[in-house]
Amino acid sequence: MIPAYPAMSIAAAVIVVVVELAWLRTGIFGMRSYWVAMAVVFAFQIPIDGWMTKLSDPIVIYNPDALSGLRFPLDIPTEEFAYAFAMVTLAIMCWERAGSAPESTPSDTK
C-alpha cells in the first residue's frame, strides 16, 4: 500500500493536469513561460529542500512511514516534486484563467 503523502501528491498532480486539459483549458502546458517558471521553481526547490531534508542533519523530519522512501536528489523525498508541481501549476492555471476572464465595468450609480 502506498503511504498517504506520496499517494495524495501523485493524485494532486494528476487532478491538476486533468482540470487543465478537461475544464480550464488555459493552454499553459504549451506555453514556454510556464515551463521556464517550473524550471525556476525546481531550481530553487532542489537546493533549499535538499538542505532542509538532508538525512545527515535534517531540519525537516518526516515520518518514514508517511513517505515512499525514494529520495532524489540531495535526499529530497520525491513526492515533494509532485506536490510542488501540483501547487504551482494550479496557481498558474488560476492566474491565467482570471486574466482571461472578460473585464467587467462597474455600473454607473448616478
Protein backbone atom coordinates (compact mmCIF):
# COMPACT_ATOMS: atom_id res chain seq x y z
CA MET A 1 0.00 0.00 0.00
CA ILE A 2 1.27 3.47 -0.89
CA PRO A 3 1.60 5.84 2.08
CA ALA A 4 -0.77 8.83 2.16
CA TYR A 5 1.67 11.64 1.27
CA PRO A 6 3.02 10.07 -1.93
CA ALA A 7 -0.46 8.91 -2.95
CA MET A 8 -2.01 12.32 -2.36
CA SER A 9 0.89 14.13 -4.09
CA ILE A 10 0.52 11.98 -7.18
CA ALA A 11 -3.28 12.34 -7.08
CA ALA A 12 -2.96 16.13 -6.80
CA ALA A 13 -0.63 16.28 -9.80
CA VAL A 14 -2.94 14.08 -11.89
CA ILE A 15 -6.04 16.05 -10.85
CA VAL A 16 -4.38 19.36 -11.75
CA VAL A 17 -3.45 18.04 -15.21
CA VAL A 18 -6.99 16.72 -15.75
CA VAL A 19 -8.53 20.03 -14.59
CA GLU A 20 -6.30 21.90 -17.06
CA LEU A 21 -6.93 19.61 -20.01
CA ALA A 22 -10.64 18.93 -19.44
CA TRP A 23 -12.00 22.09 -17.83
CA LEU A 24 -9.90 25.23 -17.60
CA ARG A 25 -8.01 24.82 -20.89
CA THR A 26 -5.72 27.78 -20.29
CA GLY A 27 -3.10 26.31 -22.60
CA ILE A 28 -0.29 26.67 -20.06
CA PHE A 29 1.31 23.33 -20.94
CA GLY A 30 2.03 24.76 -24.38
CA MET A 31 3.49 28.00 -23.06
CA ARG A 32 7.24 28.43 -22.89
CA SER A 33 6.81 30.82 -19.95
CA TYR A 34 5.09 28.08 -17.91
CA TRP A 35 7.99 25.67 -18.38
CA VAL A 36 10.51 28.41 -17.58
CA ALA A 37 8.56 29.16 -14.39
CA MET A 38 8.58 25.47 -13.45
CA ALA A 39 12.33 25.30 -14.08
CA VAL A 40 12.81 28.29 -11.77
CA VAL A 41 10.64 26.66 -9.09
CA PHE A 42 12.61 23.43 -9.20
CA ALA A 43 15.95 25.26 -9.44
CA PHE A 44 15.18 26.87 -6.07
CA GLN A 45 13.39 23.86 -4.61
CA ILE A 46 16.27 21.44 -5.09
CA PRO A 47 18.94 23.24 -3.03
CA ILE A 48 16.52 24.52 -0.36
CA ASP A 49 14.53 21.31 0.04
CA GLY A 50 17.73 19.29 -0.21
CA TRP A 51 19.31 21.31 2.58
CA MET A 52 16.20 21.07 4.78
CA THR A 53 15.65 17.32 4.33
CA LYS A 54 19.24 16.04 4.11
CA LEU A 55 19.49 12.80 6.01
CA SER A 56 22.82 13.71 7.60
CA ASP A 57 21.40 16.71 9.51
CA PRO A 58 17.71 17.31 8.70
CA ILE A 59 15.79 20.42 9.61
CA VAL A 60 12.51 18.87 8.47
CA ILE A 61 11.99 15.31 9.66
CA TYR A 62 9.31 13.21 8.02
CA ASN A 63 7.78 10.11 9.49
CA PRO A 64 9.41 7.41 7.32
CA ASP A 65 6.10 5.51 7.25
CA ALA A 66 4.47 8.51 5.52
CA LEU A 67 6.94 8.55 2.59
CA SER A 68 7.65 6.33 -0.38
CA GLY A 69 11.30 6.01 0.63
CA LEU A 70 12.52 7.35 -2.72
CA ARG A 71 14.82 10.34 -2.26
CA PHE A 72 16.48 12.17 -5.15
CA PRO A 73 18.44 14.40 -5.48
CA LEU A 74 20.09 15.55 -2.24
CA ASP A 75 17.89 13.30 -0.08
CA ILE A 76 14.69 15.10 -1.18
CA PRO A 77 11.58 12.91 -0.88
CA THR A 78 10.43 12.54 -4.49
CA GLU A 79 6.82 13.21 -3.52
CA GLU A 80 7.86 16.81 -2.83
CA PHE A 81 8.23 17.35 -6.60
CA ALA A 82 4.71 16.09 -7.40
CA TYR A 83 3.32 18.32 -4.64
CA ALA A 84 5.26 21.36 -5.91
CA PHE A 85 4.16 20.69 -9.50
CA ALA A 86 0.51 20.48 -8.46
CA MET A 87 0.61 23.55 -6.22
CA VAL A 88 2.45 25.84 -8.64
CA THR A 89 0.61 24.61 -11.72
CA LEU A 90 -2.79 25.14 -10.09
CA ALA A 91 -1.80 28.66 -9.04
CA ILE A 92 -0.63 29.50 -12.58
CA MET A 93 -3.79 27.98 -14.10
CA CYS A 94 -5.99 30.08 -11.82
CA TRP A 95 -3.93 33.17 -12.58
CA GLU A 96 -4.23 32.56 -16.32
CA ARG A 97 -7.94 31.87 -16.05
CA ALA A 98 -8.54 35.03 -14.02
CA GLY A 99 -6.56 37.08 -16.52
CA SER A 100 -8.54 35.76 -19.46
CA ALA A 101 -11.92 36.47 -17.89
CA PRO A 102 -13.85 39.30 -19.54
CA GLU A 103 -13.39 42.55 -17.71
CA SER A 104 -16.47 43.90 -16.03
CA THR A 105 -17.17 47.55 -15.73
CA PRO A 106 -18.75 48.99 -12.63
CA SER A 107 -22.28 50.18 -13.17
CA ASP A 108 -22.87 53.89 -13.18
CA THR A 109 -24.67 54.77 -9.94
CA LYS A 110 -25.51 58.43 -10.59
